[in-house]
């Protein structure tokens, strides 16, 4: 009997989860499930695998589960064991562990170095599938191997993806969306806590404004001369070499400098400190774009007698786990650069502070998803957005609203009106 056949949930799957499983089965066990963070995508994947094993009628049904972070390997293994799957049938494959079992959990980076993991699998699950876009050339190669076997079951998982973006063309063809369930629907169904978005508008100092204006002018001028307005085109110009490449290099340098001044704006950090003080003894997730900005903020917090920790890709796995285990005991504000956007479950956290300048819908949806997970007694989640007015930061507000109001397969709901803040005022939006 296939190992996944022993899967037993200690709860009933929700209607939306079962509908997703059925939609995937009906699409010949191929497709992507686009479900808001916090609505049980992992359980959908496990149930899809169990059902596929029944359909394939094999004594052994090999499953490869790909995740973007090593910490998610152990998280998925723990869940499988808790749901009754035999430990001897589950393996982890990454740098320090090379266990190939009937059910193997690995990272995208690890499988690039061993495509045989894909070839031996009857089913491949691609968690956070939007990361395997055509702009991520190494990850995109995985699809070349995946499609070698037309009978292989394929399941993609993500919280949001822009179906019209050409970067996701391969995903849309190989594993097209079969079911969507977005934040708005999940909130209306009571599956997620209601996000309350609070806008915190700040201003640059005189020196910061000068840097922002100068870098923006340079970026605009180079883009005009090269007729390139996005990083992908600039990267191609950079790789060709020559005078144009030199200009592209300057363009990237100015983009980084502008991002740094936006992330480390003095008033942003001061306002964030004030917000943390408003919520003593409460776990808070703070998201920024740069390591330097979160280190500055941590110094400010600790200078005010508030213990805080930072977590980013430069911190080793064991130290990360220690940081997360002590969260809510030894300290309450946790400062992150991307690392906690994906997959880490802490339902008790109900406050997020976004000081990042990103307009990436996937990132914003993941950040909101970290705090809207439902637990007993948790009906609302606070999402503070600290931004510099009249800058690229304005896009963050639009993206946060779009991520919350984005609809899926359910009937479209009327949009709630919100009021933009005038100087010195806040907008508080409940969804």
Protein backbone atom coordinates (compact mmCIF):
# COMPACT_ATOMS: atom_id res chain seq x y z
CA UNK A 1 0.00 0.00 0.00
CA UNK A 2 1.39 3.47 -0.84
CA UNK A 3 2.73 5.32 2.20
CA UNK A 4 0.45 8.32 1.61
CA UNK A 5 -2.60 6.02 1.86
CA UNK A 6 -2.22 5.93 5.64
CA UNK A 7 -2.90 9.70 5.79
CA UNK A 8 -5.60 10.50 8.36
CA UNK A 9 -6.50 14.05 9.34
CA UNK A 10 -7.64 14.58 12.95
CA UNK A 11 -10.25 16.99 11.55
CA UNK A 12 -12.56 17.31 8.55
CA UNK A 13 -11.31 19.27 5.57
CA UNK A 14 -13.29 22.43 4.85
CA UNK A 15 -15.67 22.69 1.89
CA UNK A 16 -13.27 24.94 -0.04
CA UNK A 17 -10.41 22.49 0.47
CA UNK A 18 -12.46 19.53 -0.75
CA UNK A 19 -13.59 21.53 -3.78
CA UNK A 20 -9.95 22.25 -4.61
CA UNK A 21 -9.04 18.55 -4.37
CA UNK A 22 -11.95 17.58 -6.59
CA UNK A 23 -11.13 20.27 -9.17
CA UNK A 24 -7.55 19.00 -9.35
CA UNK A 25 -8.65 15.38 -9.75
CA UNK A 26 -11.10 16.36 -12.49
CA UNK A 27 -8.24 18.10 -14.35
CA UNK A 28 -6.38 14.77 -14.63
CA UNK A 29 -4.31 15.40 -11.49
CA UNK A 30 -2.61 18.46 -12.92
CA UNK A 31 -3.03 22.08 -11.95
CA UNK A 32 -2.46 24.77 -9.36
CA UNK A 33 -4.47 25.67 -6.29
CA UNK A 34 -4.38 29.40 -5.57
CA UNK A 35 -5.47 29.69 -1.95
CA UNK A 36 -4.88 32.49 0.51
CA UNK A 37 -2.21 31.94 3.13
CA UNK A 38 -3.79 30.38 6.21
CA UNK A 39 -6.48 28.36 4.40
CA UNK A 40 -4.77 24.97 4.45
CA UNK A 41 -2.93 24.55 1.14
CA UNK A 42 -0.64 21.93 2.66
CA UNK A 43 -3.57 19.76 3.71
CA UNK A 44 -5.04 20.14 0.21
CA UNK A 45 -1.74 18.89 -1.21
CA UNK A 46 -1.63 15.88 1.11
CA UNK A 47 -5.23 14.93 0.27
CA UNK A 48 -4.56 15.35 -3.46
CA UNK A 49 -1.58 13.00 -3.10
CA UNK A 50 -3.67 10.43 -1.22
CA UNK A 51 -6.42 10.53 -3.85
CA UNK A 52 -3.91 10.34 -6.71
CA UNK A 53 -2.31 7.25 -5.14
CA UNK A 54 -5.72 5.58 -5.16
CA UNK A 55 -6.26 6.43 -8.82
CA UNK A 56 -2.83 5.27 -9.96
CA UNK A 57 -3.33 1.87 -8.23
CA UNK A 58 0.38 1.32 -7.52
CA UNK A 59 1.91 -0.46 -4.53
CA UNK A 60 4.42 2.36 -4.23
CA UNK A 61 3.52 5.95 -5.12
CA UNK A 62 6.58 8.22 -5.07
CA UNK A 63 5.92 11.86 -4.13
CA UNK A 64 8.36 14.78 -4.36
CA UNK A 65 7.32 17.83 -2.37
CA UNK A 66 9.33 20.94 -3.30
CA UNK A 67 9.48 23.93 -0.92
CA UNK A 68 11.46 27.21 -1.07
CA UNK A 69 12.95 27.09 2.45
CA UNK A 70 14.71 24.37 4.46
CA UNK A 71 12.63 25.26 7.54
CA UNK A 72 9.53 24.19 5.58
CA UNK A 73 10.99 20.72 4.99
CA UNK A 74 10.86 19.90 8.69
CA UNK A 75 7.46 21.57 9.05
CA UNK A 76 5.97 19.36 6.33
CA UNK A 77 7.59 16.21 7.71
CA UNK A 78 6.10 16.92 11.16
CA UNK A 79 2.66 17.34 9.63
CA UNK A 80 2.87 14.09 7.68
CA UNK A 81 3.87 12.19 10.80
CA UNK A 82 1.10 13.83 12.82
CA UNK A 83 -1.36 12.75 10.14
CA UNK A 84 -0.38 9.08 10.44
CA UNK A 85 2.21 8.60 7.69
CA UNK A 86 4.99 6.18 8.62
CA UNK A 87 8.25 8.00 9.45
CA UNK A 88 10.28 5.39 7.57
CA UNK A 89 8.53 6.42 4.34
CA UNK A 90 9.32 10.14 4.65
CA UNK A 91 12.71 11.65 3.80
CA UNK A 92 14.37 15.07 3.63
CA UNK A 93 16.70 15.95 0.78
CA UNK A 94 18.90 19.04 1.04
CA UNK A 95 22.50 20.05 1.83
CA UNK A 96 23.13 18.11 5.02
CA UNK A 97 20.56 15.35 4.51
CA UNK A 98 20.13 13.10 1.49
CA UNK A 99 17.19 10.82 2.28
CA UNK A 100 15.30 9.57 -0.77
CA UNK A 101 12.11 7.86 0.37
CA UNK A 102 8.66 7.17 -1.03
CA UNK A 103 7.73 10.69 0.11
CA UNK A 104 10.67 13.08 -0.25
CA UNK A 105 10.59 16.72 0.86
CA UNK A 106 13.23 18.87 -0.80
CA UNK A 107 13.96 22.46 -1.84
CA UNK A 108 13.90 23.89 -5.35
CA UNK A 109 17.62 24.60 -5.09
CA UNK A 110 18.43 21.02 -4.10
CA UNK A 111 16.46 19.43 -6.92
CA UNK A 112 18.25 21.58 -9.51
CA UNK A 113 21.39 19.63 -8.59
CA UNK A 114 19.62 16.27 -8.86
CA UNK A 115 16.83 16.09 -11.44
CA UNK A 116 16.57 12.34 -10.86
CA UNK A 117 14.45 13.24 -7.83
CA UNK A 118 11.84 14.49 -10.29
CA UNK A 119 12.23 11.63 -12.76
CA UNK A 120 11.61 8.96 -10.11
CA UNK A 121 8.47 10.64 -8.82
CA UNK A 122 4.89 9.74 -9.69
CA UNK A 123 3.78 13.11 -8.32
CA UNK A 124 5.49 16.45 -7.84
CA UNK A 125 4.08 19.16 -5.55
CA UNK A 126 5.48 22.65 -6.16
CA UNK A 127 4.88 24.77 -3.08
CA UNK A 128 4.98 28.55 -3.69
CA UNK A 129 5.00 27.76 -7.39
CA UNK A 130 5.21 31.44 -8.34
CA UNK A 131 8.90 31.28 -7.38
CA UNK A 132 9.53 28.96 -10.35
CA UNK A 133 8.81 31.72 -12.85
CA UNK A 134 10.56 32.16 -16.17
CA UNK A 135 12.60 35.00 -14.68
CA UNK A 136 14.12 32.49 -12.23
CA UNK A 137 16.03 30.64 -14.95
CA UNK A 138 17.42 27.87 -12.73
CA UNK A 139 14.04 27.10 -11.19
CA UNK A 140 12.34 27.25 -14.58
CA UNK A 141 14.51 24.33 -15.75
CA UNK A 142 12.55 22.08 -13.39
CA UNK A 143 9.60 22.21 -15.77
CA UNK A 144 11.70 20.81 -18.62
CA UNK A 145 12.16 17.65 -16.56
CA UNK A 146 8.66 17.57 -15.08
CA UNK A 147 6.95 17.40 -18.49
CA UNK A 148 9.03 14.43 -19.66
CA UNK A 149 6.39 12.08 -18.24
CA UNK A 150 2.84 13.04 -19.30
CA UNK A 151 1.38 10.74 -16.65
CA UNK A 152 3.14 12.41 -13.73
CA UNK A 153 0.70 14.08 -11.30
CA UNK A 154 1.52 17.76 -10.81
CA UNK A 155 0.21 20.16 -8.17
CA UNK A 156 1.17 23.80 -7.74
CA UNK A 157 0.45 25.79 -4.58
CA UNK A 158 0.52 29.55 -4.12
CA UNK A 159 -1.33 32.33 -2.35
CA UNK A 160 -1.50 34.56 -5.40
CA UNK A 161 -0.16 34.76 -8.92
CA UNK A 162 -0.65 37.16 -11.81
CA UNK A 163 -1.98 34.93 -14.56
CA UNK A 164 -1.37 37.59 -17.22
CA UNK A 165 2.29 38.10 -16.34
CA UNK A 166 4.48 36.55 -19.08
CA UNK A 167 6.90 35.33 -16.42
CA UNK A 168 4.31 32.72 -15.43
CA UNK A 169 3.50 31.52 -18.95
CA UNK A 170 4.98 28.06 -18.38
CA UNK A 171 3.14 27.63 -15.10
CA UNK A 172 -0.16 28.61 -16.74
CA UNK A 173 0.37 25.94 -19.42
CA UNK A 174 1.80 23.07 -17.37
CA UNK A 175 -0.08 23.54 -14.09
CA UNK A 176 -2.96 25.96 -14.77
CA UNK A 177 -5.14 27.23 -11.90
CA UNK A 178 -7.97 24.82 -11.08
CA UNK A 179 -9.34 26.51 -7.93
CA UNK A 180 -8.95 29.92 -6.28
CA UNK A 181 -9.84 31.01 -2.76
CA UNK A 182 -8.54 34.46 -1.87
CA UNK A 183 -8.27 36.49 1.34
CA UNK A 184 -11.58 38.28 0.78
CA UNK A 185 -13.59 35.07 0.40
CA UNK A 186 -11.84 33.39 3.32
CA UNK A 187 -12.58 36.37 5.58
CA UNK A 188 -16.23 36.41 4.50
CA UNK A 189 -16.46 32.69 5.23
CA UNK A 190 -14.92 33.16 8.67
CA UNK A 191 -11.86 31.13 7.72
CA UNK A 192 -9.46 34.03 8.34
CA UNK A 193 -9.40 36.92 10.79
CA UNK A 194 -10.49 40.26 9.35
CA UNK A 195 -7.49 42.41 8.40
CA UNK A 196 -7.69 45.99 9.65
CA UNK A 197 -5.35 48.11 7.52
CA UNK A 198 -4.02 51.21 9.25
CA UNK A 199 -2.09 53.70 7.12
CA UNK A 200 0.76 55.53 8.83
CA UNK A 201 1.98 58.36 6.61
CA UNK A 202 5.40 59.94 7.29
CA UNK A 203 7.74 62.37 5.50
CA UNK A 204 11.39 62.35 4.48
CA UNK A 205 13.98 64.51 6.18
CA UNK A 206 15.49 67.18 3.91
CA UNK A 207 18.61 65.10 3.20
CA UNK A 208 16.54 61.95 2.49
CA UNK A 209 14.31 63.88 0.10
CA UNK A 210 17.38 65.10 -1.79
CA UNK A 211 18.73 61.55 -2.17
CA UNK A 212 15.33 60.28 -3.29
CA UNK A 213 14.87 63.01 -5.89
CA UNK A 214 18.40 62.65 -7.28
CA UNK A 215 18.25 58.85 -7.56
CA UNK A 216 14.76 58.98 -9.11
CA UNK A 217 15.91 61.52 -11.70
CA UNK A 218 18.91 59.37 -12.64
CA UNK A 219 16.78 56.21 -12.87
CA UNK A 220 14.27 57.99 -15.10
CA UNK A 221 16.93 59.47 -17.37
CA UNK A 222 18.78 56.15 -17.89
CA UNK A 223 15.49 54.33 -18.52
CA UNK A 224 14.63 56.91 -21.17
CA UNK A 225 17.99 56.60 -22.89
CA UNK A 226 17.98 52.79 -22.87
CA UNK A 227 14.22 52.45 -23.42
CA UNK A 228 14.17 49.94 -20.55
CA UNK A 229 12.00 50.41 -17.51
CA UNK A 230 12.18 47.14 -15.58
CA UNK A 231 14.93 44.98 -14.01
CA UNK A 232 14.53 42.15 -16.54
CA UNK A 233 15.32 44.36 -19.53
CA UNK A 234 18.11 46.11 -17.64
CA UNK A 235 19.67 42.76 -16.76
CA UNK A 236 19.74 41.73 -20.41
CA UNK A 237 21.44 45.02 -21.33
CA UNK A 238 23.94 44.55 -18.49
CA UNK A 239 24.88 41.07 -19.71
CA UNK A 240 25.67 42.32 -23.23
CA UNK A 241 28.48 44.57 -22.00
CA UNK A 242 29.66 47.87 -23.45
CA UNK A 243 28.60 51.46 -22.76
CA UNK A 244 24.94 50.57 -22.39
CA UNK A 245 25.86 47.97 -19.78
CA UNK A 246 27.68 50.63 -17.79
CA UNK A 247 24.53 52.74 -17.77
CA UNK A 248 22.47 49.72 -16.68
CA UNK A 249 24.91 49.13 -13.83
CA UNK A 250 24.39 52.72 -12.69
CA UNK A 251 20.61 52.23 -12.96
CA UNK A 252 20.73 49.25 -10.57
CA UNK A 253 22.97 51.17 -8.16
CA UNK A 254 20.49 54.05 -8.06
CA UNK A 255 17.56 51.67 -7.54
CA UNK A 256 19.35 50.11 -4.56
CA UNK A 257 20.19 53.53 -3.13
CA UNK A 258 16.58 54.69 -3.45
CA UNK A 259 15.28 51.47 -1.88
CA UNK A 260 17.67 51.96 1.03
CA UNK A 261 16.55 55.54 1.72
CA UNK A 262 12.90 54.44 1.56
CA UNK A 263 13.46 51.46 3.87
CA UNK A 264 15.62 53.33 6.38
CA UNK A 265 13.72 56.62 6.45
CA UNK A 266 14.21 58.11 9.91
CA UNK A 267 10.55 58.93 10.37
CA UNK A 268 9.53 55.42 9.29
CA UNK A 269 11.71 53.87 11.95
CA UNK A 270 10.53 56.32 14.63
CA UNK A 271 6.87 55.68 13.78
CA UNK A 272 7.45 51.92 13.87
CA UNK A 273 9.02 52.24 17.31
CA UNK A 274 5.94 54.15 18.47
CA UNK A 275 3.64 51.43 17.11
CA UNK A 276 5.57 48.68 18.88
CA UNK A 277 5.23 50.59 22.14
CA UNK A 278 1.45 50.66 21.63
CA UNK A 279 1.36 46.84 21.74
CA UNK A 280 3.50 45.66 24.67
CA UNK A 281 3.71 41.90 25.27
CA UNK A 282 2.17 41.16 21.86
CA UNK A 283 3.98 39.30 19.08
CA UNK A 284 4.56 41.64 16.16
CA UNK A 285 5.95 40.86 12.70
CA UNK A 286 7.82 43.75 11.07
CA UNK A 287 8.66 43.49 7.36
CA UNK A 288 11.24 45.56 5.53
CA UNK A 289 13.18 45.35 2.28
CA UNK A 290 16.77 45.63 3.53
CA UNK A 291 18.88 44.05 6.25
CA UNK A 292 20.37 47.44 7.13
CA UNK A 293 16.95 48.95 7.87
CA UNK A 294 15.88 46.17 10.22
CA UNK A 295 19.21 46.28 12.02
CA UNK A 296 18.79 50.03 12.53
CA UNK A 297 15.27 49.46 13.82
CA UNK A 298 16.41 46.73 16.18
CA UNK A 299 19.04 49.08 17.64
CA UNK A 300 16.35 51.73 18.18
CA UNK A 301 14.01 49.24 19.85
CA UNK A 302 16.65 47.86 22.17
CA UNK A 303 17.83 51.40 22.92
CA UNK A 304 14.29 52.00 24.21
CA UNK A 305 14.42 48.89 26.39
CA UNK A 306 12.44 46.67 23.97
CA UNK A 307 14.17 43.36 23.18
CA UNK A 308 13.87 42.44 19.49
CA UNK A 309 15.33 39.95 17.05
CA UNK A 310 16.00 39.99 13.32
CA UNK A 311 15.70 37.13 10.88
CA UNK A 312 16.88 36.99 7.27
CA UNK A 313 18.56 34.63 4.82
CA UNK A 314 22.00 35.33 6.25
CA UNK A 315 21.09 33.69 9.57
CA UNK A 316 21.83 29.97 9.83
CA UNK A 317 18.97 27.49 10.16
CA UNK A 318 19.66 26.44 13.76
CA UNK A 319 19.84 30.06 14.92
CA UNK A 320 16.60 30.83 13.08
CA UNK A 321 14.83 28.02 14.91
CA UNK A 322 16.11 29.29 18.25
CA UNK A 323 14.91 32.81 17.40
CA UNK A 324 11.44 31.54 16.50
CA UNK A 325 11.16 29.33 19.59
CA UNK A 326 11.90 32.24 21.92
CA UNK A 327 9.46 34.58 20.15
CA UNK A 328 6.72 35.67 22.53
CA UNK A 329 8.82 34.75 25.58
CA UNK A 330 12.19 36.51 25.45
CA UNK A 331 11.09 39.19 22.98
CA UNK A 332 7.97 40.25 21.00
CA UNK A 333 8.93 42.28 17.87
CA UNK A 334 10.42 40.07 15.15
CA UNK A 335 12.01 41.92 12.21
CA UNK A 336 12.17 40.11 8.89
CA UNK A 337 13.49 40.54 5.36
CA UNK A 338 11.47 38.09 3.24
CA UNK A 339 12.35 35.02 5.34
CA UNK A 340 9.03 34.77 7.18
CA UNK A 341 6.88 35.70 4.22
CA UNK A 342 6.57 32.12 3.09
CA UNK A 343 5.02 29.21 4.89
CA UNK A 344 5.89 29.76 8.53
CA UNK A 345 2.84 29.23 10.77
CA UNK A 346 2.32 31.35 13.90
CA UNK A 347 -1.49 31.78 14.16
CA UNK A 348 -1.18 33.61 17.49
CA UNK A 349 0.43 36.61 15.78
CA UNK A 350 -2.16 39.26 14.96
CA UNK A 351 -0.07 42.38 14.23
CA UNK A 352 2.04 43.16 11.18
CA UNK A 353 3.97 46.34 10.46
CA UNK A 354 5.00 46.78 6.84
CA UNK A 355 7.70 49.37 6.27
CA UNK A 356 8.74 47.89 2.95
CA UNK A 357 8.43 49.70 -0.35
CA UNK A 358 7.54 46.63 -2.42
CA UNK A 359 4.63 46.57 -4.84
CA UNK A 360 5.01 42.82 -5.40
CA UNK A 361 1.56 41.30 -4.92
CA UNK A 362 2.92 37.88 -3.91
CA UNK A 363 5.08 39.35 -1.16
CA UNK A 364 2.31 41.55 0.20
CA UNK A 365 -0.23 38.70 0.21
CA UNK A 366 2.23 36.49 2.08
CA UNK A 367 2.92 39.20 4.67
CA UNK A 368 -0.77 39.77 5.33
CA UNK A 369 -1.29 36.02 5.42
CA UNK A 370 1.16 35.66 8.30
CA UNK A 371 -1.22 37.50 10.68
CA UNK A 372 -4.75 36.64 9.51
CA UNK A 373 -4.63 32.96 10.44
CA UNK A 374 -7.57 32.15 12.69
CA UNK A 375 -7.33 30.89 16.28
CA UNK A 376 -9.90 30.89 19.06
CA UNK A 377 -10.71 34.43 20.15
CA UNK A 378 -8.89 36.03 17.21
CA UNK A 379 -11.36 37.88 14.99
CA UNK A 380 -9.22 40.75 13.69
CA UNK A 381 -5.61 41.28 12.61
CA UNK A 382 -3.88 44.65 12.51
CA UNK A 383 -1.83 45.52 9.43
CA UNK A 384 0.06 48.80 9.85
CA UNK A 385 1.51 50.22 6.63
CA UNK A 386 4.18 52.85 7.33
CA UNK A 387 4.98 54.76 4.16
CA UNK A 388 6.57 57.96 2.89
CA UNK A 389 3.91 60.04 1.18
CA UNK A 390 4.29 61.12 -2.47
CA UNK A 391 6.92 58.49 -3.26
CA UNK A 392 7.00 54.98 -4.70
CA UNK A 393 5.79 53.92 -1.25
CA UNK A 394 2.29 54.97 -2.31
CA UNK A 395 2.14 51.78 -4.38
CA UNK A 396 2.39 49.71 -1.20
CA UNK A 397 -1.00 50.98 -0.01
CA UNK A 398 -2.60 50.12 -3.34
CA UNK A 399 -1.01 46.68 -3.34
CA UNK A 400 -2.12 45.90 0.22
CA UNK A 401 -5.69 46.83 -0.63
CA UNK A 402 -5.57 44.86 -3.88
CA UNK A 403 -4.23 41.76 -2.10
CA UNK A 404 -7.07 41.88 0.44
CA UNK A 405 -9.83 42.66 -2.03
CA UNK A 406 -8.70 40.26 -4.76
CA UNK A 407 -11.40 37.74 -5.58
CA UNK A 408 -11.27 34.13 -6.65
CA UNK A 409 -13.92 31.69 -7.79
CA UNK A 410 -16.70 32.98 -5.53
CA UNK A 411 -19.29 35.53 -6.65
CA UNK A 412 -17.80 39.01 -6.76
CA UNK A 413 -18.60 41.16 -3.76
CA UNK A 414 -19.18 44.95 -3.70
CA UNK A 415 -16.02 46.90 -2.92
CA UNK A 416 -16.04 48.87 0.33
CA UNK A 417 -15.22 52.55 0.05
CA UNK A 418 -12.24 53.89 1.94
CA UNK A 419 -11.09 57.43 2.59
CA UNK A 420 -7.57 58.52 1.75
CA UNK A 421 -5.86 60.35 4.61
CA UNK A 422 -5.15 64.05 4.50
CA UNK A 423 -1.95 65.34 6.09
CA UNK A 424 -1.52 64.08 9.65
CA UNK A 425 -4.49 61.70 9.46
CA UNK A 426 -4.79 57.94 9.25
CA UNK A 427 -7.05 55.69 7.25
CA UNK A 428 -8.32 52.58 9.02
CA UNK A 429 -9.94 50.10 6.69
CA UNK A 430 -11.80 46.99 7.88
CA UNK A 431 -12.56 44.25 5.41
